[in-house]
Amino acid sequence: FDFAIMKMSVVSEEFRRRYLQEPGHEGVFEGRAVVFDGSEDYHKRINDPELGIDERTILVIRGAGPIGWPGSAEVVNMQPPDALLKRGIRSLPTIGDGRQSGTADSPSILNASPESAAGGGLAWLRTGDIIRIDFNQGRCDMLVEEAEIARRKGDGIPAVPPDATPWQRIYRRSVTQLSDGAVLDGAEQFRNIAATPPRHNH
């Protein structure tokens, strides 16, 4: 992705000790991705032991952006599986193309744009891929060969729920990415609209 917001206010000292203080690699860490397609998938599978989620896992949720949800959902606030919570691990790094509650306490990269449904980088990420996050440079990279990414692109963008209403279809065709405000394309032409009340229709 080209744009995202990193939520730094919840990066605790414990998180820094666990991830960001490796000698010679301060401020940089690598983790194994576990990818969920929407919040339903997350809730269904987060406690699946086959995923092998541990303290070096980065939880990723996609399909949560303006087009994918649609409307951009507040679902990036993912908790670790119960097995880790019982061990006292209260949070894992998370990445998503949706939004997050201001009260969520998981250190997160959110609002990733372009979103998965628009062909952004999260669309080509797979569970098991290694992600490198560099706090010093403000970078997030998946360590996957370009040839492999090209092969995955041949599989197409991950599916999103179908339009449920005609308004959703219109919205999806016209909405911009979160990096541009997730507004309807061309909306910037209409400012101070309250200055001219709409015509009465009775």
N, C-alpha and C. Protein backbone atom coordinates (compact mmCIF):
# COMPACT_ATOMS: atom_id res chain seq x y z
N PHE A 1 0.83 -1.19 0.00
CA PHE A 1 0.00 0.00 0.00
C PHE A 1 0.87 1.25 0.00
N ASP A 2 0.28 2.35 -0.40
CA ASP A 2 1.01 3.61 -0.51
C ASP A 2 0.80 4.51 0.69
N PHE A 3 -0.27 4.29 1.43
CA PHE A 3 -0.63 5.17 2.54
C PHE A 3 -1.23 4.35 3.66
N ALA A 4 -0.93 4.73 4.89
CA ALA A 4 -1.57 4.12 6.05
C ALA A 4 -1.31 5.03 7.25
N ILE A 5 -2.02 4.75 8.32
CA ILE A 5 -1.82 5.46 9.58
C ILE A 5 -1.31 4.45 10.60
N MET A 6 -0.25 4.81 11.32
CA MET A 6 0.26 3.95 12.37
C MET A 6 -0.18 4.51 13.72
N LYS A 7 -0.88 3.71 14.49
CA LYS A 7 -1.38 4.15 15.79
C LYS A 7 -0.27 3.98 16.82
N MET A 8 0.40 5.08 17.16
CA MET A 8 1.56 5.05 18.05
C MET A 8 1.18 5.21 19.52
N SER A 9 -0.01 5.72 19.79
CA SER A 9 -0.37 6.04 21.18
C SER A 9 -0.46 4.81 22.06
N VAL A 10 -0.60 3.63 21.47
CA VAL A 10 -0.73 2.41 22.27
C VAL A 10 0.52 1.53 22.17
N VAL A 11 1.60 2.07 21.63
CA VAL A 11 2.86 1.32 21.59
C VAL A 11 3.49 1.41 22.97
N SER A 12 3.29 0.38 23.78
CA SER A 12 3.73 0.39 25.17
C SER A 12 5.21 0.04 25.29
N GLU A 13 5.74 0.25 26.49
CA GLU A 13 7.13 -0.14 26.75
C GLU A 13 7.29 -1.65 26.60
N GLU A 14 6.28 -2.40 27.03
CA GLU A 14 6.35 -3.86 26.88
C GLU A 14 6.41 -4.24 25.40
N PHE A 15 5.63 -3.55 24.57
CA PHE A 15 5.64 -3.81 23.12
C PHE A 15 7.02 -3.47 22.55
N ARG A 16 7.57 -2.34 22.97
CA ARG A 16 8.90 -1.95 22.47
C ARG A 16 9.94 -2.99 22.86
N ARG A 17 9.89 -3.48 24.09
CA ARG A 17 10.87 -4.49 24.51
C ARG A 17 10.73 -5.76 23.69
N ARG A 18 9.50 -6.15 23.41
CA ARG A 18 9.26 -7.41 22.71
C ARG A 18 9.66 -7.34 21.24
N TYR A 19 9.42 -6.20 20.60
CA TYR A 19 9.57 -6.13 19.14
C TYR A 19 10.65 -5.18 18.63
N LEU A 20 10.98 -4.15 19.36
CA LEU A 20 11.72 -3.03 18.77
C LEU A 20 13.10 -2.80 19.36
N GLN A 21 13.60 -3.73 20.18
CA GLN A 21 14.88 -3.49 20.82
C GLN A 21 15.90 -4.58 20.55
N GLU A 22 15.76 -5.26 19.43
CA GLU A 22 16.77 -6.26 19.06
C GLU A 22 18.07 -5.53 18.72
N PRO A 23 19.19 -5.88 19.36
CA PRO A 23 20.45 -5.17 19.10
C PRO A 23 20.80 -5.17 17.62
N GLY A 24 21.10 -3.99 17.12
CA GLY A 24 21.44 -3.83 15.71
C GLY A 24 20.24 -3.64 14.81
N HIS A 25 19.03 -3.87 15.34
CA HIS A 25 17.80 -3.71 14.54
C HIS A 25 16.75 -2.94 15.33
N GLU A 26 17.21 -1.97 16.11
CA GLU A 26 16.28 -1.20 16.93
C GLU A 26 15.24 -0.49 16.05
N GLY A 27 14.00 -0.57 16.47
CA GLY A 27 12.93 0.09 15.74
C GLY A 27 12.43 -0.68 14.54
N VAL A 28 12.94 -1.90 14.33
CA VAL A 28 12.56 -2.72 13.17
C VAL A 28 12.20 -4.12 13.67
N PHE A 29 11.12 -4.67 13.16
CA PHE A 29 10.84 -6.07 13.49
C PHE A 29 10.17 -6.76 12.32
N GLU A 30 10.30 -8.07 12.32
CA GLU A 30 9.67 -8.90 11.31
C GLU A 30 8.72 -9.88 11.99
N GLY A 31 7.61 -10.15 11.34
CA GLY A 31 6.64 -11.08 11.88
C GLY A 31 5.95 -11.85 10.77
N ARG A 32 5.38 -12.96 11.15
CA ARG A 32 4.65 -13.82 10.21
C ARG A 32 3.20 -13.38 10.13
N ALA A 33 2.71 -13.18 8.92
CA ALA A 33 1.34 -12.72 8.72
C ALA A 33 0.34 -13.85 8.87
N VAL A 34 -0.77 -13.55 9.51
CA VAL A 34 -1.97 -14.39 9.45
C VAL A 34 -3.08 -13.49 8.92
N VAL A 35 -3.64 -13.87 7.78
CA VAL A 35 -4.53 -12.99 7.02
C VAL A 35 -5.99 -13.43 7.18
N PHE A 36 -6.85 -12.46 7.47
CA PHE A 36 -8.28 -12.70 7.57
C PHE A 36 -9.01 -11.85 6.53
N ASP A 37 -10.00 -12.45 5.89
CA ASP A 37 -10.82 -11.74 4.91
C ASP A 37 -12.12 -11.28 5.58
N GLY A 38 -12.06 -10.12 6.21
CA GLY A 38 -13.21 -9.57 6.90
C GLY A 38 -13.32 -10.04 8.34
N SER A 39 -14.17 -9.34 9.11
CA SER A 39 -14.27 -9.64 10.54
C SER A 39 -14.94 -10.98 10.80
N GLU A 40 -15.83 -11.42 9.92
CA GLU A 40 -16.46 -12.73 10.12
C GLU A 40 -15.40 -13.83 10.09
N ASP A 41 -14.48 -13.73 9.16
CA ASP A 41 -13.40 -14.71 9.05
C ASP A 41 -12.51 -14.67 10.29
N TYR A 42 -12.21 -13.46 10.76
CA TYR A 42 -11.40 -13.31 11.98
C TYR A 42 -12.07 -14.00 13.17
N HIS A 43 -13.34 -13.70 13.42
CA HIS A 43 -14.02 -14.27 14.58
C HIS A 43 -14.16 -15.79 14.45
N LYS A 44 -14.29 -16.28 13.25
CA LYS A 44 -14.44 -17.71 13.04
C LYS A 44 -13.14 -18.46 13.29
N ARG A 45 -12.01 -17.85 12.93
CA ARG A 45 -10.76 -18.62 12.90
C ARG A 45 -9.69 -18.18 13.89
N ILE A 46 -9.88 -17.09 14.63
CA ILE A 46 -8.79 -16.57 15.45
C ILE A 46 -8.28 -17.59 16.46
N ASN A 47 -9.13 -18.49 16.94
CA ASN A 47 -8.69 -19.48 17.93
C ASN A 47 -8.34 -20.83 17.31
N ASP A 48 -8.21 -20.88 15.99
CA ASP A 48 -7.84 -22.12 15.31
C ASP A 48 -6.35 -22.39 15.54
N PRO A 49 -6.00 -23.46 16.26
CA PRO A 49 -4.58 -23.74 16.53
C PRO A 49 -3.78 -24.01 15.26
N GLU A 50 -4.45 -24.40 14.18
CA GLU A 50 -3.74 -24.68 12.93
C GLU A 50 -3.08 -23.42 12.35
N LEU A 51 -3.54 -22.25 12.75
CA LEU A 51 -2.95 -21.00 12.25
C LEU A 51 -1.57 -20.75 12.87
N GLY A 52 -1.29 -21.37 14.00
CA GLY A 52 0.03 -21.22 14.62
C GLY A 52 0.33 -19.81 15.08
N ILE A 53 -0.67 -19.10 15.57
CA ILE A 53 -0.48 -17.72 16.00
C ILE A 53 0.34 -17.69 17.29
N ASP A 54 1.43 -16.93 17.28
CA ASP A 54 2.25 -16.76 18.48
C ASP A 54 2.58 -15.28 18.64
N GLU A 55 3.50 -14.99 19.58
CA GLU A 55 3.80 -13.58 19.88
C GLU A 55 4.55 -12.87 18.76
N ARG A 56 5.01 -13.60 17.75
CA ARG A 56 5.68 -12.98 16.60
C ARG A 56 4.76 -12.90 15.38
N THR A 57 3.49 -13.08 15.58
CA THR A 57 2.51 -13.02 14.49
C THR A 57 2.02 -11.60 14.30
N ILE A 58 1.78 -11.22 13.05
CA ILE A 58 1.12 -9.97 12.72
C ILE A 58 -0.26 -10.32 12.17
N LEU A 59 -1.30 -9.85 12.84
CA LEU A 59 -2.67 -10.12 12.39
C LEU A 59 -3.04 -9.11 11.31
N VAL A 60 -3.55 -9.62 10.19
CA VAL A 60 -3.91 -8.76 9.05
C VAL A 60 -5.37 -8.99 8.70
N ILE A 61 -6.11 -7.91 8.52
CA ILE A 61 -7.50 -8.01 8.06
C ILE A 61 -7.67 -7.16 6.82
N ARG A 62 -8.28 -7.73 5.81
CA ARG A 62 -8.50 -7.02 4.55
C ARG A 62 -9.98 -7.15 4.16
N GLY A 63 -10.34 -6.42 3.10
CA GLY A 63 -11.75 -6.40 2.71
C GLY A 63 -12.57 -5.50 3.61
N ALA A 64 -11.90 -4.57 4.31
CA ALA A 64 -12.59 -3.70 5.27
C ALA A 64 -12.57 -2.24 4.85
N GLY A 65 -12.14 -1.96 3.62
CA GLY A 65 -12.03 -0.58 3.15
C GLY A 65 -13.33 -0.04 2.58
N PRO A 66 -13.27 1.15 1.98
CA PRO A 66 -14.47 1.79 1.44
C PRO A 66 -15.20 0.94 0.40
N ILE A 67 -14.46 0.27 -0.47
CA ILE A 67 -15.08 -0.58 -1.48
C ILE A 67 -15.39 -1.96 -0.91
N GLY A 68 -14.45 -2.53 -0.21
CA GLY A 68 -14.57 -3.92 0.22
C GLY A 68 -15.69 -4.18 1.20
N TRP A 69 -15.90 -3.26 2.16
CA TRP A 69 -16.90 -3.57 3.20
C TRP A 69 -18.33 -3.54 2.69
N PRO A 70 -18.91 -2.58 2.09
CA PRO A 70 -18.39 -1.26 1.75
C PRO A 70 -18.61 -0.25 2.88
N GLY A 71 -17.86 0.85 2.76
CA GLY A 71 -18.02 1.95 3.70
C GLY A 71 -16.89 2.10 4.69
N SER A 72 -15.94 1.18 4.70
CA SER A 72 -14.81 1.18 5.62
C SER A 72 -15.26 0.88 7.04
N ALA A 73 -14.94 -0.30 7.51
CA ALA A 73 -15.42 -0.77 8.81
C ALA A 73 -14.38 -0.60 9.90
N GLU A 74 -14.87 -0.43 11.12
CA GLU A 74 -14.01 -0.25 12.29
C GLU A 74 -13.69 -1.62 12.88
N VAL A 75 -12.88 -2.40 12.16
CA VAL A 75 -12.66 -3.80 12.55
C VAL A 75 -11.18 -4.18 12.64
N VAL A 76 -10.29 -3.19 12.58
CA VAL A 76 -8.86 -3.53 12.64
C VAL A 76 -8.44 -3.82 14.08
N ASN A 77 -9.31 -3.55 15.05
CA ASN A 77 -8.98 -3.76 16.46
C ASN A 77 -9.13 -5.24 16.83
N MET A 78 -8.16 -6.04 16.40
CA MET A 78 -8.19 -7.49 16.62
C MET A 78 -7.40 -7.87 17.87
N GLN A 79 -7.94 -8.79 18.65
CA GLN A 79 -7.25 -9.31 19.82
C GLN A 79 -6.52 -10.60 19.47
N PRO A 80 -5.50 -10.96 20.27
CA PRO A 80 -4.85 -12.26 20.08
C PRO A 80 -5.83 -13.39 20.39
N PRO A 81 -5.48 -14.61 20.01
CA PRO A 81 -6.32 -15.76 20.37
C PRO A 81 -6.33 -15.98 21.88
N ASP A 82 -7.31 -16.72 22.35
CA ASP A 82 -7.46 -16.95 23.78
C ASP A 82 -6.21 -17.56 24.40
N ALA A 83 -5.54 -18.45 23.67
CA ALA A 83 -4.36 -19.11 24.21
C ALA A 83 -3.27 -18.11 24.57
N LEU A 84 -3.09 -17.06 23.77
CA LEU A 84 -2.09 -16.04 24.08
C LEU A 84 -2.58 -15.12 25.19
N LEU A 85 -3.86 -14.80 25.20
CA LEU A 85 -4.40 -13.95 26.27
C LEU A 85 -4.18 -14.61 27.62
N LYS A 86 -4.34 -15.93 27.69
CA LYS A 86 -4.14 -16.65 28.95
C LYS A 86 -2.69 -16.62 29.39
N ARG A 87 -1.77 -16.42 28.44
CA ARG A 87 -0.35 -16.32 28.77
C ARG A 87 0.06 -14.89 29.09
N GLY A 88 -0.90 -13.98 29.07
CA GLY A 88 -0.60 -12.59 29.40
C GLY A 88 -0.21 -11.73 28.23
N ILE A 89 -0.30 -12.26 27.01
CA ILE A 89 -0.01 -11.46 25.81
C ILE A 89 -1.31 -10.79 25.39
N ARG A 90 -1.42 -9.50 25.70
CA ARG A 90 -2.68 -8.78 25.54
C ARG A 90 -2.87 -8.17 24.16
N SER A 91 -1.80 -8.07 23.39
CA SER A 91 -1.94 -7.45 22.06
C SER A 91 -0.89 -8.00 21.11
N LEU A 92 -1.24 -7.98 19.83
CA LEU A 92 -0.33 -8.32 18.74
C LEU A 92 -0.37 -7.18 17.74
N PRO A 93 0.69 -7.02 16.94
CA PRO A 93 0.64 -6.01 15.87
C PRO A 93 -0.46 -6.37 14.89
N THR A 94 -1.18 -5.36 14.42
CA THR A 94 -2.25 -5.60 13.46
C THR A 94 -2.13 -4.64 12.28
N ILE A 95 -2.59 -5.09 11.13
CA ILE A 95 -2.60 -4.29 9.90
C ILE A 95 -3.97 -4.48 9.25
N GLY A 96 -4.52 -3.41 8.69
CA GLY A 96 -5.79 -3.56 8.00
C GLY A 96 -6.09 -2.41 7.07
N ASP A 97 -7.01 -2.65 6.14
CA ASP A 97 -7.41 -1.59 5.21
C ASP A 97 -8.71 -0.93 5.64
N GLY A 98 -9.12 -1.18 6.89
CA GLY A 98 -10.27 -0.52 7.46
C GLY A 98 -9.86 0.44 8.56
N ARG A 99 -10.83 0.75 9.42
CA ARG A 99 -10.60 1.70 10.50
C ARG A 99 -10.49 0.96 11.84
N GLN A 100 -10.23 1.74 12.90
CA GLN A 100 -10.09 1.16 14.23
C GLN A 100 -10.66 2.13 15.25
N SER A 101 -11.29 1.58 16.28
CA SER A 101 -11.81 2.40 17.36
C SER A 101 -10.69 3.15 18.06
N GLY A 102 -10.98 4.36 18.49
CA GLY A 102 -9.98 5.13 19.24
C GLY A 102 -9.66 4.52 20.58
N THR A 103 -10.53 3.63 21.08
CA THR A 103 -10.28 2.99 22.38
C THR A 103 -9.55 1.66 22.24
N ALA A 104 -9.32 1.20 21.01
CA ALA A 104 -8.61 -0.08 20.80
C ALA A 104 -7.16 0.06 21.24
N ASP A 105 -6.63 -1.00 21.86
CA ASP A 105 -5.28 -0.90 22.41
C ASP A 105 -4.26 -1.76 21.67
N SER A 106 -4.59 -2.23 20.46
CA SER A 106 -3.61 -3.00 19.70
C SER A 106 -2.80 -2.07 18.81
N PRO A 107 -1.46 -2.14 18.88
CA PRO A 107 -0.62 -1.31 18.00
C PRO A 107 -0.91 -1.68 16.54
N SER A 108 -1.32 -0.71 15.77
CA SER A 108 -1.90 -1.03 14.46
C SER A 108 -1.42 -0.12 13.35
N ILE A 109 -1.41 -0.70 12.15
CA ILE A 109 -1.30 0.06 10.91
C ILE A 109 -2.66 -0.08 10.24
N LEU A 110 -3.38 1.03 10.09
CA LEU A 110 -4.74 0.97 9.59
C LEU A 110 -4.94 1.96 8.46
N ASN A 111 -6.14 1.92 7.86
CA ASN A 111 -6.46 2.77 6.70
C ASN A 111 -5.53 2.50 5.52
N ALA A 112 -4.99 1.29 5.42
CA ALA A 112 -4.06 0.97 4.34
C ALA A 112 -4.72 1.23 2.98
N SER A 113 -4.05 2.03 2.17
CA SER A 113 -4.60 2.44 0.86
C SER A 113 -3.53 2.31 -0.21
N PRO A 114 -3.85 1.82 -1.40
CA PRO A 114 -5.15 1.30 -1.82
C PRO A 114 -5.53 0.04 -1.02
N GLU A 115 -6.81 -0.11 -0.79
CA GLU A 115 -7.31 -1.27 -0.07
C GLU A 115 -7.21 -2.53 -0.92
N SER A 116 -7.41 -3.66 -0.28
CA SER A 116 -7.34 -4.95 -0.98
C SER A 116 -8.31 -5.00 -2.15
N ALA A 117 -9.54 -4.53 -1.95
CA ALA A 117 -10.56 -4.61 -3.00
C ALA A 117 -10.24 -3.73 -4.20
N ALA A 118 -9.30 -2.80 -4.03
CA ALA A 118 -8.87 -1.94 -5.13
C ALA A 118 -7.53 -2.40 -5.71
N GLY A 119 -7.07 -3.58 -5.30
CA GLY A 119 -5.82 -4.11 -5.82
C GLY A 119 -4.59 -3.66 -5.06
N GLY A 120 -4.78 -3.18 -3.81
CA GLY A 120 -3.64 -2.79 -2.99
C GLY A 120 -2.83 -3.99 -2.54
N GLY A 121 -1.70 -3.73 -1.90
CA GLY A 121 -0.76 -4.79 -1.54
C GLY A 121 -1.34 -5.88 -0.66
N LEU A 122 -2.29 -5.55 0.21
CA LEU A 122 -2.86 -6.57 1.08
C LEU A 122 -3.58 -7.65 0.30
N ALA A 123 -4.01 -7.34 -0.93
CA ALA A 123 -4.69 -8.34 -1.76
C ALA A 123 -3.78 -9.52 -2.08
N TRP A 124 -2.48 -9.28 -2.12
CA TRP A 124 -1.54 -10.31 -2.57
C TRP A 124 -0.80 -10.96 -1.40
N LEU A 125 -1.12 -10.54 -0.18
CA LEU A 125 -0.50 -11.11 1.00
C LEU A 125 -1.15 -12.45 1.32
N ARG A 126 -0.35 -13.39 1.82
CA ARG A 126 -0.85 -14.71 2.20
C ARG A 126 -0.40 -15.04 3.62
N THR A 127 -1.20 -15.84 4.30
CA THR A 127 -0.80 -16.33 5.62
C THR A 127 0.54 -17.06 5.50
N GLY A 128 1.45 -16.73 6.39
CA GLY A 128 2.79 -17.32 6.37
C GLY A 128 3.84 -16.39 5.80
N ASP A 129 3.43 -15.37 5.05
CA ASP A 129 4.39 -14.39 4.53
C ASP A 129 5.02 -13.62 5.69
N ILE A 130 6.26 -13.20 5.49
CA ILE A 130 6.94 -12.39 6.49
C ILE A 130 6.78 -10.92 6.14
N ILE A 131 6.43 -10.14 7.14
CA ILE A 131 6.28 -8.69 7.00
C ILE A 131 7.36 -8.01 7.82
N ARG A 132 8.00 -7.02 7.24
CA ARG A 132 8.96 -6.20 7.98
C ARG A 132 8.37 -4.81 8.22
N ILE A 133 8.35 -4.40 9.46
CA ILE A 133 7.87 -3.07 9.83
C ILE A 133 9.04 -2.27 10.38
N ASP A 134 9.30 -1.13 9.77
CA ASP A 134 10.42 -0.28 10.14
C ASP A 134 9.88 1.04 10.69
N PHE A 135 9.91 1.18 12.00
CA PHE A 135 9.43 2.40 12.63
C PHE A 135 10.32 3.59 12.27
N ASN A 136 11.59 3.34 12.04
CA ASN A 136 12.52 4.44 11.75
C ASN A 136 12.24 5.08 10.40
N GLN A 137 11.91 4.26 9.42
CA GLN A 137 11.67 4.74 8.06
C GLN A 137 10.19 4.91 7.74
N GLY A 138 9.32 4.46 8.65
CA GLY A 138 7.89 4.52 8.37
C GLY A 138 7.50 3.62 7.21
N ARG A 139 8.08 2.41 7.18
CA ARG A 139 7.84 1.49 6.08
C ARG A 139 7.24 0.18 6.59
N CYS A 140 6.46 -0.44 5.70
CA CYS A 140 5.92 -1.77 5.95
C CYS A 140 6.05 -2.54 4.65
N ASP A 141 6.83 -3.62 4.66
CA ASP A 141 7.11 -4.37 3.44
C ASP A 141 6.83 -5.85 3.67
N MET A 142 6.20 -6.49 2.67
CA MET A 142 6.11 -7.94 2.73
C MET A 142 7.31 -8.52 1.98
N LEU A 143 7.97 -9.46 2.61
CA LEU A 143 9.21 -10.00 2.06
C LEU A 143 8.88 -11.18 1.14
N VAL A 144 8.32 -10.82 0.00
CA VAL A 144 7.89 -11.81 -0.99
C VAL A 144 8.50 -11.42 -2.33
N GLU A 145 9.02 -12.40 -3.06
CA GLU A 145 9.63 -12.13 -4.36
C GLU A 145 8.62 -11.54 -5.34
N GLU A 146 9.10 -10.62 -6.18
CA GLU A 146 8.23 -9.97 -7.16
C GLU A 146 7.56 -11.00 -8.08
N ALA A 147 8.30 -12.03 -8.44
CA ALA A 147 7.73 -13.05 -9.32
C ALA A 147 6.56 -13.77 -8.66
N GLU A 148 6.66 -13.99 -7.35
CA GLU A 148 5.57 -14.65 -6.63
C GLU A 148 4.36 -13.72 -6.52
N ILE A 149 4.61 -12.44 -6.30
CA ILE A 149 3.50 -11.48 -6.25
C ILE A 149 2.79 -11.44 -7.60
N ALA A 150 3.57 -11.44 -8.68
CA ALA A 150 2.97 -11.43 -10.02
C ALA A 150 2.12 -12.68 -10.24
N ARG A 151 2.60 -13.82 -9.76
CA ARG A 151 1.82 -15.06 -9.90
C ARG A 151 0.50 -14.96 -9.14
N ARG A 152 0.56 -14.41 -7.93
CA ARG A 152 -0.65 -14.28 -7.12
C ARG A 152 -1.66 -13.33 -7.77
N LYS A 153 -1.16 -12.31 -8.43
CA LYS A 153 -2.08 -11.37 -9.09
C LYS A 153 -2.91 -12.08 -10.15
N GLY A 154 -2.37 -13.16 -10.69
CA GLY A 154 -3.13 -13.93 -11.66
C GLY A 154 -4.36 -14.60 -11.06
N ASP A 155 -4.36 -14.75 -9.72
CA ASP A 155 -5.51 -15.35 -9.04
C ASP A 155 -6.65 -14.36 -8.84
N GLY A 156 -6.37 -13.08 -9.06
CA GLY A 156 -7.40 -12.05 -8.90
C GLY A 156 -7.49 -11.52 -7.49
N ILE A 157 -8.23 -10.44 -7.35
CA ILE A 157 -8.43 -9.78 -6.06
C ILE A 157 -9.34 -10.64 -5.19
N PRO A 158 -9.06 -10.74 -3.87
CA PRO A 158 -9.95 -11.51 -2.99
C PRO A 158 -11.40 -11.02 -3.09
N ALA A 159 -12.32 -11.95 -3.05
CA ALA A 159 -13.74 -11.63 -3.21
C ALA A 159 -14.25 -10.77 -2.06
N VAL A 160 -15.21 -9.92 -2.36
CA VAL A 160 -15.89 -9.11 -1.35
C VAL A 160 -17.38 -9.41 -1.45
N PRO A 161 -18.15 -9.10 -0.39
CA PRO A 161 -19.59 -9.36 -0.45
C PRO A 161 -20.24 -8.61 -1.61
N PRO A 162 -21.27 -9.19 -2.22
CA PRO A 162 -21.94 -8.51 -3.33
C PRO A 162 -22.69 -7.28 -2.85
N ASP A 163 -23.00 -6.39 -3.78
CA ASP A 163 -23.80 -5.22 -3.44
C ASP A 163 -25.14 -5.66 -2.87
N ALA A 164 -25.53 -5.06 -1.75
CA ALA A 164 -26.80 -5.41 -1.12
C ALA A 164 -27.92 -4.47 -1.51
N THR A 165 -27.56 -3.29 -2.01
CA THR A 165 -28.56 -2.30 -2.42
C THR A 165 -28.03 -1.56 -3.65
N PRO A 166 -28.91 -0.89 -4.40
CA PRO A 166 -28.41 -0.07 -5.51
C PRO A 166 -27.50 1.05 -5.03
N TRP A 167 -27.74 1.53 -3.81
CA TRP A 167 -26.91 2.61 -3.28
C TRP A 167 -25.50 2.12 -3.00
N GLN A 168 -25.36 0.88 -2.54
CA GLN A 168 -24.02 0.33 -2.34
C GLN A 168 -23.28 0.23 -3.68
N ARG A 169 -23.98 -0.16 -4.72
CA ARG A 169 -23.33 -0.26 -6.03
C ARG A 169 -22.85 1.11 -6.50
N ILE A 170 -23.70 2.11 -6.37
CA ILE A 170 -23.31 3.47 -6.76
C ILE A 170 -22.12 3.94 -5.93
N TYR A 171 -22.19 3.69 -4.62
CA TYR A 171 -21.11 4.11 -3.72
C TYR A 171 -19.79 3.44 -4.09
N ARG A 172 -19.82 2.13 -4.27
CA ARG A 172 -18.59 1.41 -4.58
C ARG A 172 -17.95 1.89 -5.88
N ARG A 173 -18.77 2.25 -6.85
CA ARG A 173 -18.24 2.71 -8.13
C ARG A 173 -17.67 4.12 -8.05
N SER A 174 -18.06 4.87 -7.01
CA SER A 174 -17.70 6.29 -6.98
C SER A 174 -16.79 6.69 -5.82
N VAL A 175 -16.63 5.82 -4.81
CA VAL A 175 -15.91 6.23 -3.61
C VAL A 175 -14.40 6.25 -3.84
N THR A 176 -13.73 7.20 -3.18
CA THR A 176 -12.27 7.26 -3.21
C THR A 176 -11.71 6.42 -2.06
N GLN A 177 -10.39 6.29 -2.01
CA GLN A 177 -9.74 5.52 -0.96
C GLN A 177 -9.64 6.35 0.32
N LEU A 178 -9.35 5.66 1.44
CA LEU A 178 -9.21 6.36 2.72
C LEU A 178 -8.13 7.42 2.67
N SER A 179 -7.11 7.20 1.87
CA SER A 179 -6.04 8.20 1.74
C SER A 179 -6.56 9.51 1.16
N ASP A 180 -7.69 9.45 0.46
CA ASP A 180 -8.30 10.64 -0.14
C ASP A 180 -9.61 11.01 0.55
N GLY A 181 -9.84 10.45 1.73
CA GLY A 181 -11.01 10.82 2.50
C GLY A 181 -12.19 9.89 2.41
N ALA A 182 -12.12 8.88 1.55
CA ALA A 182 -13.25 7.95 1.35
C ALA A 182 -14.54 8.73 1.06
N VAL A 183 -14.43 9.72 0.19
CA VAL A 183 -15.59 10.51 -0.23
C VAL A 183 -15.94 10.13 -1.65
N LEU A 184 -17.11 10.54 -2.11
CA LEU A 184 -17.48 10.28 -3.49
C LEU A 184 -16.57 11.06 -4.42
N ASP A 185 -16.15 10.41 -5.48
CA ASP A 185 -15.28 11.06 -6.46
C ASP A 185 -15.92 12.35 -6.96
N GLY A 186 -15.18 13.44 -6.87
CA GLY A 186 -15.71 14.74 -7.29
C GLY A 186 -16.36 15.53 -6.18
N ALA A 187 -16.45 14.95 -4.97
CA ALA A 187 -17.13 15.64 -3.87
C ALA A 187 -16.45 16.94 -3.48
N GLU A 188 -15.14 17.03 -3.77
CA GLU A 188 -14.42 18.26 -3.38
C GLU A 188 -14.93 19.49 -4.12
N GLN A 189 -15.70 19.28 -5.17
CA GLN A 189 -16.27 20.42 -5.90
C GLN A 189 -17.45 21.04 -5.15
N PHE A 190 -17.96 20.32 -4.17
CA PHE A 190 -19.16 20.79 -3.47
C PHE A 190 -18.81 21.13 -2.03
N ARG A 191 -18.51 22.40 -1.81
CA ARG A 191 -18.13 22.88 -0.49
C ARG A 191 -19.16 23.89 0.01
N ASN A 192 -19.28 23.97 1.33
CA ASN A 192 -20.21 24.93 1.94
C ASN A 192 -21.61 24.78 1.35
N ILE A 193 -22.07 23.56 1.23
CA ILE A 193 -23.34 23.31 0.55
C ILE A 193 -24.54 23.86 1.32
N ALA A 194 -24.38 24.09 2.63
CA ALA A 194 -25.49 24.63 3.41
C ALA A 194 -25.79 26.08 3.05
N ALA A 195 -24.85 26.74 2.37
CA ALA A 195 -25.07 28.15 2.01
C ALA A 195 -26.21 28.32 1.02
N THR A 196 -26.46 27.29 0.23
CA THR A 196 -27.56 27.34 -0.74
C THR A 196 -28.50 26.18 -0.46
N PRO A 197 -29.59 26.43 0.28
CA PRO A 197 -30.52 25.33 0.60
C PRO A 197 -31.08 24.70 -0.67
N PRO A 198 -31.32 23.39 -0.63
CA PRO A 198 -31.90 22.75 -1.82
C PRO A 198 -33.32 23.24 -2.07
N ARG A 199 -33.77 23.06 -3.27
CA ARG A 199 -35.12 23.50 -3.65
C ARG A 199 -36.18 22.71 -2.88
N HIS A 200 -37.27 23.37 -2.55
CA HIS A 200 -38.40 22.67 -1.93
C HIS A 200 -39.04 21.75 -2.97
N ASN A 201 -39.47 20.59 -2.51
CA ASN A 201 -40.07 19.64 -3.45
C ASN A 201 -41.56 19.42 -3.19
N HIS A 202 -42.20 20.36 -2.50
CA HIS A 202 -43.65 20.28 -2.30
C HIS A 202 -44.28 21.56 -2.81
